[in-house]
N, C-alpha and C. Protein backbone atom coordinates (compact mmCIF):
# COMPACT_ATOMS: atom_id res chain seq x y z
N MET A 1 0.84 -1.17 0.00
CA MET A 1 -0.01 0.00 -0.01
C MET A 1 0.88 1.25 0.00
N ASN A 2 0.67 2.15 -0.95
CA ASN A 2 1.46 3.35 -1.05
C ASN A 2 0.73 4.51 -0.38
N THR A 3 1.32 5.03 0.69
CA THR A 3 0.71 6.13 1.43
C THR A 3 1.47 7.43 1.22
N THR A 4 2.29 7.50 0.19
CA THR A 4 3.09 8.68 -0.08
C THR A 4 2.20 9.86 -0.40
N LEU A 5 2.45 10.97 0.25
CA LEU A 5 1.67 12.17 0.04
C LEU A 5 2.42 13.19 -0.83
N TYR A 6 3.48 12.75 -1.47
CA TYR A 6 4.24 13.62 -2.35
C TYR A 6 4.51 12.85 -3.65
N GLN A 7 4.85 13.59 -4.68
CA GLN A 7 5.19 12.95 -5.96
C GLN A 7 6.40 13.64 -6.54
N ILE A 8 7.22 12.88 -7.21
CA ILE A 8 8.36 13.42 -7.92
C ILE A 8 8.31 12.91 -9.36
N VAL A 9 8.48 13.82 -10.31
CA VAL A 9 8.55 13.47 -11.71
C VAL A 9 9.75 14.21 -12.29
N ILE A 10 10.56 13.50 -13.06
CA ILE A 10 11.72 14.11 -13.70
C ILE A 10 11.48 14.16 -15.20
N LYS A 11 11.59 15.36 -15.77
CA LYS A 11 11.42 15.51 -17.20
C LYS A 11 12.71 16.04 -17.79
N GLN A 12 13.18 15.36 -18.82
CA GLN A 12 14.39 15.81 -19.52
C GLN A 12 13.99 16.86 -20.54
N ASP A 13 14.73 17.91 -20.60
CA ASP A 13 14.46 19.01 -21.51
C ASP A 13 15.76 19.36 -22.22
N LYS A 14 15.66 20.06 -23.34
CA LYS A 14 16.89 20.49 -24.04
C LYS A 14 17.69 21.39 -23.15
N GLN A 15 17.01 22.28 -22.41
CA GLN A 15 17.70 23.23 -21.53
C GLN A 15 18.35 22.52 -20.35
N ALA A 16 17.56 21.75 -19.60
CA ALA A 16 18.07 21.08 -18.40
C ALA A 16 16.99 20.14 -17.90
N PRO A 17 17.39 19.11 -17.15
CA PRO A 17 16.37 18.26 -16.53
C PRO A 17 15.62 19.05 -15.45
N THR A 18 14.34 18.77 -15.31
CA THR A 18 13.52 19.45 -14.32
C THR A 18 12.90 18.42 -13.38
N VAL A 19 13.03 18.66 -12.08
CA VAL A 19 12.43 17.83 -11.06
C VAL A 19 11.13 18.51 -10.64
N TYR A 20 10.01 17.85 -10.92
CA TYR A 20 8.70 18.37 -10.51
C TYR A 20 8.32 17.74 -9.20
N LEU A 21 8.13 18.54 -8.17
CA LEU A 21 7.71 18.05 -6.86
C LEU A 21 6.29 18.51 -6.61
N SER A 22 5.49 17.65 -6.00
CA SER A 22 4.13 18.02 -5.63
C SER A 22 3.75 17.34 -4.34
N GLY A 23 2.74 17.90 -3.68
CA GLY A 23 2.24 17.33 -2.43
C GLY A 23 3.05 17.81 -1.23
N GLU A 24 3.15 16.95 -0.23
CA GLU A 24 3.78 17.28 1.05
C GLU A 24 5.24 16.83 1.08
N ILE A 25 6.14 17.78 1.14
CA ILE A 25 7.58 17.48 1.22
C ILE A 25 7.96 17.63 2.70
N ASP A 26 7.71 16.56 3.43
CA ASP A 26 7.95 16.57 4.87
C ASP A 26 8.95 15.47 5.23
N PHE A 27 9.14 15.27 6.53
CA PHE A 27 10.10 14.26 6.98
C PHE A 27 9.85 12.91 6.33
N ALA A 28 8.61 12.48 6.34
CA ALA A 28 8.28 11.15 5.77
C ALA A 28 8.66 11.11 4.29
N ALA A 29 8.43 12.15 3.56
CA ALA A 29 8.74 12.17 2.12
C ALA A 29 10.25 12.14 1.90
N THR A 30 11.00 12.81 2.78
CA THR A 30 12.46 12.91 2.58
C THR A 30 13.16 11.56 2.71
N ILE A 31 12.56 10.63 3.40
CA ILE A 31 13.16 9.29 3.52
C ILE A 31 13.31 8.67 2.14
N ASP A 32 12.33 8.89 1.29
CA ASP A 32 12.37 8.41 -0.09
C ASP A 32 13.04 9.43 -1.02
N LEU A 33 12.70 10.70 -0.83
CA LEU A 33 13.14 11.76 -1.74
C LEU A 33 14.65 11.97 -1.70
N GLY A 34 15.26 11.94 -0.53
CA GLY A 34 16.71 12.18 -0.40
C GLY A 34 17.52 11.29 -1.31
N PRO A 35 17.40 9.97 -1.20
CA PRO A 35 18.17 9.08 -2.07
C PRO A 35 17.85 9.27 -3.57
N ARG A 36 16.60 9.56 -3.89
CA ARG A 36 16.22 9.77 -5.29
C ARG A 36 16.91 11.01 -5.85
N LEU A 37 16.95 12.09 -5.05
CA LEU A 37 17.62 13.31 -5.51
C LEU A 37 19.14 13.07 -5.65
N GLU A 38 19.69 12.29 -4.74
CA GLU A 38 21.14 11.94 -4.86
C GLU A 38 21.42 11.26 -6.19
N GLU A 39 20.58 10.32 -6.58
CA GLU A 39 20.74 9.62 -7.85
C GLU A 39 20.60 10.59 -9.04
N ILE A 40 19.62 11.45 -8.96
CA ILE A 40 19.40 12.42 -10.05
C ILE A 40 20.62 13.31 -10.18
N VAL A 41 21.10 13.84 -9.08
CA VAL A 41 22.29 14.71 -9.10
C VAL A 41 23.50 13.95 -9.61
N LYS A 42 23.66 12.73 -9.18
CA LYS A 42 24.80 11.90 -9.59
C LYS A 42 24.89 11.78 -11.11
N HIS A 43 23.73 11.67 -11.76
CA HIS A 43 23.71 11.49 -13.22
C HIS A 43 23.48 12.77 -13.99
N CYS A 44 23.36 13.88 -13.29
CA CYS A 44 23.11 15.16 -13.94
C CYS A 44 24.41 15.73 -14.51
N SER A 45 24.36 16.14 -15.76
CA SER A 45 25.57 16.65 -16.39
C SER A 45 25.43 18.10 -16.84
N ARG A 46 24.36 18.75 -16.34
CA ARG A 46 24.17 20.17 -16.61
C ARG A 46 23.29 20.73 -15.52
N GLU A 47 22.79 21.93 -15.69
CA GLU A 47 21.96 22.57 -14.71
C GLU A 47 20.75 21.69 -14.34
N LEU A 48 20.34 21.77 -13.08
CA LEU A 48 19.16 21.02 -12.60
C LEU A 48 18.11 21.99 -12.11
N LEU A 49 16.90 21.86 -12.64
CA LEU A 49 15.83 22.78 -12.29
C LEU A 49 14.81 22.06 -11.40
N PHE A 50 14.17 22.83 -10.50
CA PHE A 50 13.14 22.30 -9.62
C PHE A 50 11.87 23.11 -9.81
N ASN A 51 10.78 22.42 -10.06
CA ASN A 51 9.46 23.06 -10.18
C ASN A 51 8.67 22.60 -8.95
N MET A 52 8.33 23.55 -8.11
CA MET A 52 7.64 23.25 -6.85
C MET A 52 6.27 23.94 -6.79
N GLU A 53 5.69 24.23 -7.95
CA GLU A 53 4.42 24.97 -7.96
C GLU A 53 3.26 24.15 -7.40
N ARG A 54 3.40 22.84 -7.27
CA ARG A 54 2.33 22.02 -6.74
C ARG A 54 2.67 21.45 -5.35
N VAL A 55 3.66 22.03 -4.70
CA VAL A 55 3.99 21.62 -3.33
C VAL A 55 2.97 22.27 -2.40
N THR A 56 2.27 21.47 -1.62
CA THR A 56 1.23 21.97 -0.74
C THR A 56 1.75 22.20 0.68
N PHE A 57 2.89 21.57 1.01
CA PHE A 57 3.46 21.71 2.35
C PHE A 57 4.93 21.34 2.26
N ILE A 58 5.76 22.07 3.00
CA ILE A 58 7.18 21.70 3.11
C ILE A 58 7.62 22.04 4.53
N ASP A 59 8.40 21.13 5.13
CA ASP A 59 8.90 21.39 6.47
C ASP A 59 10.42 21.52 6.42
N SER A 60 11.03 21.66 7.59
CA SER A 60 12.48 21.88 7.64
C SER A 60 13.25 20.71 7.05
N GLU A 61 12.77 19.48 7.22
CA GLU A 61 13.46 18.33 6.63
C GLU A 61 13.39 18.38 5.09
N GLY A 62 12.25 18.82 4.57
CA GLY A 62 12.12 18.96 3.13
C GLY A 62 13.09 19.99 2.58
N ILE A 63 13.19 21.12 3.25
CA ILE A 63 14.12 22.17 2.85
C ILE A 63 15.56 21.65 2.96
N LYS A 64 15.85 20.97 4.04
CA LYS A 64 17.18 20.39 4.24
C LYS A 64 17.57 19.44 3.11
N THR A 65 16.61 18.63 2.69
CA THR A 65 16.85 17.67 1.60
C THR A 65 17.12 18.42 0.27
N LEU A 66 16.35 19.47 0.01
CA LEU A 66 16.59 20.26 -1.20
C LEU A 66 17.97 20.93 -1.14
N LEU A 67 18.30 21.50 0.02
CA LEU A 67 19.61 22.14 0.16
C LEU A 67 20.77 21.16 -0.06
N ALA A 68 20.56 19.92 0.38
CA ALA A 68 21.60 18.89 0.16
C ALA A 68 21.80 18.64 -1.33
N ALA A 69 20.70 18.58 -2.08
CA ALA A 69 20.81 18.35 -3.51
C ALA A 69 21.49 19.55 -4.17
N PHE A 70 21.16 20.76 -3.74
CA PHE A 70 21.81 21.96 -4.29
C PHE A 70 23.30 21.96 -3.97
N ARG A 71 23.65 21.55 -2.76
CA ARG A 71 25.06 21.48 -2.37
C ARG A 71 25.81 20.45 -3.22
N MET A 72 25.20 19.30 -3.46
CA MET A 72 25.83 18.28 -4.31
C MET A 72 26.05 18.82 -5.73
N MET A 73 25.09 19.55 -6.25
CA MET A 73 25.28 20.16 -7.57
C MET A 73 26.41 21.18 -7.54
N GLN A 74 26.47 21.98 -6.49
CA GLN A 74 27.53 22.96 -6.35
C GLN A 74 28.90 22.27 -6.27
N ASN A 75 28.96 21.15 -5.57
CA ASN A 75 30.22 20.41 -5.47
C ASN A 75 30.67 19.87 -6.83
N LYS A 76 29.70 19.64 -7.74
CA LYS A 76 30.01 19.22 -9.10
C LYS A 76 30.27 20.42 -10.01
N GLN A 77 30.26 21.61 -9.41
CA GLN A 77 30.43 22.88 -10.11
C GLN A 77 29.34 23.07 -11.16
N MET A 78 28.13 22.71 -10.79
CA MET A 78 26.94 22.89 -11.65
C MET A 78 25.88 23.63 -10.88
N ASN A 79 24.96 24.20 -11.59
CA ASN A 79 23.93 25.02 -11.01
C ASN A 79 22.63 24.24 -10.79
N ALA A 80 21.91 24.60 -9.73
CA ALA A 80 20.56 24.10 -9.49
C ALA A 80 19.73 25.32 -9.06
N ARG A 81 18.47 25.36 -9.47
CA ARG A 81 17.63 26.48 -9.07
C ARG A 81 16.16 26.08 -9.13
N VAL A 82 15.37 26.81 -8.33
CA VAL A 82 13.92 26.62 -8.33
C VAL A 82 13.33 27.58 -9.36
N VAL A 83 12.57 27.04 -10.30
CA VAL A 83 11.98 27.85 -11.37
C VAL A 83 10.53 28.21 -11.11
N SER A 84 9.89 27.50 -10.19
CA SER A 84 8.49 27.77 -9.85
C SER A 84 8.22 27.26 -8.46
N CYS A 85 7.45 28.03 -7.67
CA CYS A 85 7.22 27.67 -6.28
C CYS A 85 5.84 28.10 -5.83
N SER A 86 5.14 27.22 -5.13
CA SER A 86 3.80 27.53 -4.62
C SER A 86 3.88 28.56 -3.50
N ASP A 87 2.77 29.20 -3.24
CA ASP A 87 2.69 30.16 -2.12
C ASP A 87 3.04 29.50 -0.81
N GLN A 88 2.48 28.29 -0.58
CA GLN A 88 2.69 27.60 0.69
C GLN A 88 4.17 27.30 0.90
N ALA A 89 4.84 26.78 -0.12
CA ALA A 89 6.26 26.45 0.01
C ALA A 89 7.10 27.72 0.16
N MET A 90 6.75 28.75 -0.62
CA MET A 90 7.50 30.00 -0.57
C MET A 90 7.43 30.62 0.82
N ARG A 91 6.28 30.58 1.45
CA ARG A 91 6.13 31.14 2.78
C ARG A 91 7.14 30.51 3.76
N VAL A 92 7.23 29.19 3.75
CA VAL A 92 8.13 28.49 4.68
C VAL A 92 9.58 28.74 4.30
N ILE A 93 9.87 28.68 3.01
CA ILE A 93 11.24 28.89 2.55
C ILE A 93 11.73 30.28 2.94
N LYS A 94 10.87 31.29 2.79
CA LYS A 94 11.25 32.66 3.20
C LYS A 94 11.39 32.76 4.70
N LEU A 95 10.51 32.06 5.43
CA LEU A 95 10.54 32.11 6.89
C LEU A 95 11.89 31.64 7.41
N VAL A 96 12.45 30.61 6.80
CA VAL A 96 13.75 30.08 7.25
C VAL A 96 14.93 30.73 6.53
N GLY A 97 14.64 31.65 5.60
CA GLY A 97 15.70 32.39 4.92
C GLY A 97 16.45 31.60 3.87
N ALA A 98 15.77 30.63 3.24
CA ALA A 98 16.48 29.77 2.26
C ALA A 98 16.23 30.15 0.81
N GLU A 99 15.49 31.25 0.56
CA GLU A 99 15.18 31.57 -0.85
C GLU A 99 16.43 31.88 -1.65
N THR A 100 17.43 32.50 -1.04
CA THR A 100 18.67 32.78 -1.77
C THR A 100 19.47 31.50 -2.00
N LEU A 101 19.54 30.64 -1.00
CA LEU A 101 20.25 29.37 -1.13
C LEU A 101 19.65 28.47 -2.20
N LEU A 102 18.31 28.52 -2.31
CA LEU A 102 17.61 27.70 -3.32
C LEU A 102 17.49 28.43 -4.66
N LYS A 103 18.09 29.61 -4.72
CA LYS A 103 18.14 30.41 -5.94
C LYS A 103 16.74 30.62 -6.53
N ILE A 104 15.82 31.03 -5.66
CA ILE A 104 14.47 31.31 -6.10
C ILE A 104 14.38 32.76 -6.50
N SER A 105 14.09 32.99 -7.75
CA SER A 105 13.93 34.37 -8.21
C SER A 105 12.50 34.81 -8.01
N ASN A 106 12.26 36.12 -8.05
CA ASN A 106 10.90 36.64 -7.88
C ASN A 106 9.94 36.06 -8.90
N ASN A 107 10.39 35.83 -10.11
CA ASN A 107 9.48 35.30 -11.15
C ASN A 107 9.24 33.80 -10.97
N ALA A 108 9.87 33.16 -10.03
CA ALA A 108 9.63 31.72 -9.79
C ALA A 108 8.43 31.54 -8.87
N HIS A 109 8.04 32.60 -8.21
CA HIS A 109 6.91 32.52 -7.28
C HIS A 109 5.62 32.52 -8.07
N THR A 110 4.76 31.52 -7.83
CA THR A 110 3.50 31.42 -8.54
C THR A 110 2.35 31.52 -7.57
N GLU A 111 1.22 31.93 -8.05
CA GLU A 111 0.01 31.88 -7.24
C GLU A 111 -0.39 30.41 -7.15
N SER A 112 -0.72 29.97 -5.97
CA SER A 112 -1.09 28.56 -5.80
C SER A 112 -2.47 28.31 -6.38
N THR A 113 -2.62 27.10 -6.88
CA THR A 113 -3.91 26.67 -7.40
C THR A 113 -4.28 25.38 -6.74
N ALA A 114 -5.53 25.10 -6.66
CA ALA A 114 -5.98 23.87 -6.04
C ALA A 114 -5.55 22.68 -6.84
N ILE A 115 -5.04 21.68 -6.16
CA ILE A 115 -4.64 20.44 -6.82
C ILE A 115 -5.81 19.49 -6.77
N GLN A 116 -6.13 18.95 -7.88
CA GLN A 116 -7.29 18.06 -7.93
C GLN A 116 -6.84 16.61 -8.00
């Protein structure tokens, strides 16, 4: 039985691979998400983009997991950045002061929409 409340989808693009995250990025999600992001970063040979416009909740462990992936990319001398972010996720990310570390630009902030 799968009780995961988050989803990850990776799409390859000409520009760069994009990691689409949705749902709740909390401690329980990071148990699965952390190793998956490590694998993605390991095989990434160019910039890595994150789309978080459908993230409904993120906690400190979720942010920590994202920061670890960004650090791994930096260690490979490659860039990672958030290209889209939900209101809910942006609120928490700003609260902990991580918007600069996650390279979230003002145009990456999106108005949240209901997920069906």
